[in-house]
């Protein structure tokens, strides 16, 4: 587990070396969009007679993409459930998306490197949210669910982002996220797994098992300034 004073490697065998590329997860890493996702899910649950979720339920339960989770949740009616979800999300998601505290300063510091987003949010919605926040200038690749052949935790979306950035896949790429699934995707892709926050909603830092851990956006921004 990392030392919260120097924000060093969670794995003592991994040195905090200067990265060559910064890739980020989206929801709960760069933005808080859970209210919009929860409202869209509850529109589906109401339609199908399922119990409604709180925002905290959504934060704790949503990990994989819709095309993986909805067939399990709704069986052979999953495509209808998907349509209800996206209809609601189309109307609501931009009203609810907001930067996580301190994250815009991280992205400013990160401009010393090529940057990209790799998310399990549907690609069209993801790109609209990036534009809504005025963040297109930060990212050379924006990959969402459905853009690659398979979604996270498969490595395909991370590899696609690196391909769009014209970069090789190796440990000098940092993939920065907030969940164990993000760390799993990073390891599968052969890049460095970087956790931001305490992953309390996903079993904690030890379960996430990152290569590098930054407890806060401020600690990540500080290290990026040091490495630039």
Protein backbone atom coordinates (compact mmCIF):
# COMPACT_ATOMS: atom_id res chain seq x y z
CA UNK A 1 0.00 0.00 0.00
CA UNK A 2 1.26 3.47 -0.80
CA UNK A 3 2.79 5.97 1.58
CA UNK A 4 0.29 8.83 1.83
CA UNK A 5 3.11 11.27 2.56
CA UNK A 6 5.12 10.87 -0.63
CA UNK A 7 2.37 9.35 -2.81
CA UNK A 8 4.82 6.75 -4.01
CA UNK A 9 4.30 3.31 -5.48
CA UNK A 10 1.72 1.03 -3.91
CA UNK A 11 3.89 -1.81 -5.19
CA UNK A 12 7.41 -1.29 -3.77
CA UNK A 13 8.92 -2.96 -6.84
CA UNK A 14 7.54 -0.19 -9.09
CA UNK A 15 9.46 3.09 -9.21
CA UNK A 16 7.55 6.30 -9.94
CA UNK A 17 9.24 7.10 -13.21
CA UNK A 18 8.25 9.80 -15.66
CA UNK A 19 5.31 8.57 -17.75
CA UNK A 20 5.09 8.96 -21.52
CA UNK A 21 1.27 9.00 -21.76
CA UNK A 22 -1.56 9.70 -19.30
CA UNK A 23 -4.85 7.85 -19.77
CA UNK A 24 -7.79 8.39 -17.44
CA UNK A 25 -11.01 6.68 -16.51
CA UNK A 26 -13.98 9.09 -16.60
CA UNK A 27 -16.78 8.62 -14.03
CA UNK A 28 -15.63 9.11 -10.44
CA UNK A 29 -12.07 9.72 -11.67
CA UNK A 30 -12.41 12.96 -13.65
CA UNK A 31 -16.11 13.73 -13.22
CA UNK A 32 -19.04 13.08 -10.92
CA UNK A 33 -21.80 11.97 -13.25
CA UNK A 34 -23.48 9.49 -10.93
CA UNK A 35 -26.68 11.51 -10.46
CA UNK A 36 -27.45 11.37 -14.19
CA UNK A 37 -26.59 7.68 -14.45
CA UNK A 38 -28.74 6.91 -11.40
CA UNK A 39 -31.72 8.80 -12.84
CA UNK A 40 -31.41 6.93 -16.14
CA UNK A 41 -31.09 3.56 -14.40
CA UNK A 42 -34.12 4.31 -12.25
CA UNK A 43 -36.16 5.10 -15.35
CA UNK A 44 -35.36 1.57 -16.51
CA UNK A 45 -35.98 0.00 -13.11
CA UNK A 46 -39.36 1.72 -12.83
CA UNK A 47 -40.33 0.43 -16.26
CA UNK A 48 -39.29 -3.14 -15.40
CA UNK A 49 -40.59 -3.19 -11.81
CA UNK A 50 -37.16 -3.35 -10.18
CA UNK A 51 -36.26 -1.61 -6.89
CA UNK A 52 -34.84 1.87 -7.42
CA UNK A 53 -31.20 2.72 -6.63
CA UNK A 54 -29.73 5.61 -4.73
CA UNK A 55 -26.74 7.50 -6.11
CA UNK A 56 -24.58 5.59 -3.63
CA UNK A 57 -25.98 2.27 -4.91
CA UNK A 58 -24.96 3.25 -8.43
CA UNK A 59 -21.47 4.30 -7.33
CA UNK A 60 -20.98 0.98 -5.53
CA UNK A 61 -22.49 -1.34 -8.15
CA UNK A 62 -21.70 0.01 -11.62
CA UNK A 63 -18.44 -1.37 -12.99
CA UNK A 64 -18.76 -3.00 -16.41
CA UNK A 65 -20.37 -1.52 -19.50
CA UNK A 66 -24.09 -1.64 -20.27
CA UNK A 67 -23.68 -4.19 -23.05
CA UNK A 68 -22.20 -6.58 -20.47
CA UNK A 69 -24.44 -5.82 -17.47
CA UNK A 70 -27.91 -5.34 -19.03
CA UNK A 71 -28.24 -8.86 -20.57
CA UNK A 72 -27.61 -10.25 -17.07
CA UNK A 73 -30.05 -7.84 -15.41
CA UNK A 74 -32.87 -7.90 -17.98
CA UNK A 75 -32.45 -11.11 -19.97
CA UNK A 76 -33.89 -11.16 -23.48
CA UNK A 77 -35.48 -7.71 -22.93
CA UNK A 78 -32.12 -6.06 -22.35
CA UNK A 79 -32.19 -4.15 -25.64
CA UNK A 80 -35.50 -2.50 -24.69
CA UNK A 81 -34.00 -1.67 -21.29
CA UNK A 82 -31.00 -0.19 -23.07
CA UNK A 83 -33.22 2.05 -25.18
CA UNK A 84 -35.08 3.33 -22.11
CA UNK A 85 -31.78 4.00 -20.36
CA UNK A 86 -30.24 5.93 -23.26
CA UNK A 87 -33.42 7.93 -23.86
CA UNK A 88 -33.33 9.09 -20.24
CA UNK A 89 -29.58 9.66 -20.23
CA UNK A 90 -29.77 11.73 -23.41
CA UNK A 91 -32.14 14.11 -21.67
CA UNK A 92 -30.37 14.24 -18.30
CA UNK A 93 -26.65 13.54 -18.38
CA UNK A 94 -25.30 17.02 -19.18
CA UNK A 95 -27.37 18.51 -16.34
CA UNK A 96 -25.56 16.37 -13.80
CA UNK A 97 -21.92 16.01 -14.93
CA UNK A 98 -19.37 18.02 -12.92
CA UNK A 99 -15.58 17.86 -12.46
CA UNK A 100 -14.27 15.98 -9.46
CA UNK A 101 -12.55 18.31 -6.96
CA UNK A 102 -9.13 19.46 -8.12
CA UNK A 103 -9.22 17.48 -11.36
CA UNK A 104 -9.04 20.35 -13.83
CA UNK A 105 -5.70 21.33 -12.27
CA UNK A 106 -4.51 17.74 -12.79
CA UNK A 107 -5.42 17.93 -16.49
CA UNK A 108 -3.65 21.28 -16.80
CA UNK A 109 -0.50 19.76 -15.27
CA UNK A 110 -0.93 16.71 -17.50
CA UNK A 111 -0.62 18.77 -20.67
CA UNK A 112 3.11 18.04 -20.51
CA UNK A 113 2.10 14.60 -21.89
CA UNK A 114 -0.34 13.19 -24.43
CA UNK A 115 -3.59 12.53 -22.57
CA UNK A 116 -6.66 10.42 -23.26
CA UNK A 117 -9.83 9.04 -21.70
CA UNK A 118 -10.85 5.38 -21.63
CA UNK A 119 -14.29 4.79 -20.09
CA UNK A 120 -17.09 2.25 -19.96
CA UNK A 121 -19.58 5.07 -20.58
CA UNK A 122 -21.00 4.89 -24.12
CA UNK A 123 -18.66 6.73 -26.46
CA UNK A 124 -21.19 9.25 -27.82
CA UNK A 125 -22.27 10.30 -24.32
CA UNK A 126 -18.67 10.44 -23.12
CA UNK A 127 -17.59 12.76 -25.94
CA UNK A 128 -20.59 15.04 -25.38
CA UNK A 129 -19.66 15.37 -21.72
CA UNK A 130 -16.02 16.15 -22.56
CA UNK A 131 -17.17 18.89 -24.94
CA UNK A 132 -19.75 20.20 -22.44
CA UNK A 133 -16.96 20.74 -19.89
CA UNK A 134 -14.67 22.39 -22.47
CA UNK A 135 -12.09 19.64 -22.07
CA UNK A 136 -11.56 18.61 -25.70
CA UNK A 137 -8.29 20.56 -25.59
CA UNK A 138 -6.87 18.13 -23.03
CA UNK A 139 -7.39 14.84 -24.88
CA UNK A 140 -6.01 13.32 -28.05
CA UNK A 141 -8.11 10.16 -27.64
CA UNK A 142 -11.57 9.71 -26.10
CA UNK A 143 -12.63 6.05 -26.02
CA UNK A 144 -15.94 4.92 -24.59
CA UNK A 145 -17.98 1.74 -24.45
CA UNK A 146 -18.65 0.38 -27.91
CA UNK A 147 -15.68 2.12 -29.54
CA UNK A 148 -13.43 -0.93 -29.24
CA UNK A 149 -14.44 -4.53 -29.97
CA UNK A 150 -14.66 -5.29 -26.22
CA UNK A 151 -15.01 -2.94 -23.24
CA UNK A 152 -12.97 -2.70 -20.04
CA UNK A 153 -11.56 -4.65 -18.28
CA UNK A 154 -10.46 -6.07 -21.62
CA UNK A 155 -7.33 -4.22 -22.79
CA UNK A 156 -8.80 -3.40 -26.22
CA UNK A 157 -10.05 0.13 -25.34
CA UNK A 158 -6.69 1.14 -23.83
CA UNK A 159 -4.85 -0.22 -26.85
CA UNK A 160 -7.19 1.72 -29.15
CA UNK A 161 -6.52 4.95 -27.25
CA UNK A 162 -2.76 4.43 -27.52
CA UNK A 163 -3.12 3.65 -31.22
CA UNK A 164 -5.01 6.93 -31.73
CA UNK A 165 -2.28 8.78 -29.82
CA UNK A 166 0.43 7.09 -31.91
CA UNK A 167 2.06 5.59 -28.82
CA UNK A 168 3.38 2.14 -28.00
CA UNK A 169 1.87 0.03 -25.24
CA UNK A 170 4.28 -0.26 -22.32
CA UNK A 171 4.66 0.53 -18.63
CA UNK A 172 5.47 4.20 -19.32
CA UNK A 173 1.75 4.70 -19.97
CA UNK A 174 -0.23 5.47 -16.81
CA UNK A 175 -3.89 4.47 -16.65
CA UNK A 176 -5.45 6.48 -13.83
CA UNK A 177 -8.72 5.28 -12.34
CA UNK A 178 -10.71 4.84 -9.15
CA UNK A 179 -11.68 1.15 -9.10
CA UNK A 180 -10.20 -2.33 -9.01
CA UNK A 181 -11.61 -2.89 -12.51
CA UNK A 182 -9.57 0.06 -13.79
CA UNK A 183 -6.43 -1.45 -12.26
CA UNK A 184 -7.33 -4.82 -13.81
CA UNK A 185 -7.72 -3.19 -17.23
CA UNK A 186 -4.36 -1.44 -16.88
CA UNK A 187 -2.56 -4.68 -16.00
CA UNK A 188 -4.28 -6.53 -18.86
CA UNK A 189 -3.11 -3.81 -21.27
CA UNK A 190 0.49 -3.89 -20.02
CA UNK A 191 0.47 -0.33 -18.66
CA UNK A 192 0.99 1.09 -15.18
CA UNK A 193 -2.09 0.93 -12.93
CA UNK A 194 -2.54 4.21 -11.05
CA UNK A 195 -5.26 4.58 -8.41
CA UNK A 196 -6.64 7.97 -7.39
CA UNK A 197 -8.63 8.17 -4.17
CA UNK A 198 -9.19 5.51 -1.53
CA UNK A 199 -11.37 3.10 -3.57
CA UNK A 200 -13.59 2.83 -0.51
CA UNK A 201 -16.58 2.23 -2.78
CA UNK A 202 -14.78 -0.75 -4.34
CA UNK A 203 -13.14 -2.61 -1.47
CA UNK A 204 -10.28 -0.23 -0.73
CA UNK A 205 -6.73 0.29 -1.95
CA UNK A 206 -5.53 -3.20 -1.06
CA UNK A 207 -8.20 -4.85 -3.19
CA UNK A 208 -7.51 -2.51 -6.10
CA UNK A 209 -3.78 -3.38 -5.86
CA UNK A 210 -2.47 -0.44 -7.93
CA UNK A 211 1.13 0.00 -9.00
CA UNK A 212 0.98 3.63 -7.84
CA UNK A 213 -1.51 5.28 -5.50
CA UNK A 214 -2.40 8.97 -5.18
CA UNK A 215 -4.84 9.62 -2.32
CA UNK A 216 -6.06 12.92 -3.78
CA UNK A 217 -6.13 14.94 -6.98
CA UNK A 218 -3.77 17.41 -5.30
CA UNK A 219 -1.17 14.70 -4.68
CA UNK A 220 -1.40 13.58 -8.33
CA UNK A 221 -1.09 17.15 -9.62
CA UNK A 222 1.95 17.74 -7.40
CA UNK A 223 3.71 14.63 -8.69
CA UNK A 224 2.97 15.52 -12.31
CA UNK A 225 4.51 18.96 -11.78
CA UNK A 226 7.59 17.26 -10.32
CA UNK A 227 7.89 14.85 -13.24
CA UNK A 228 7.16 17.31 -16.06
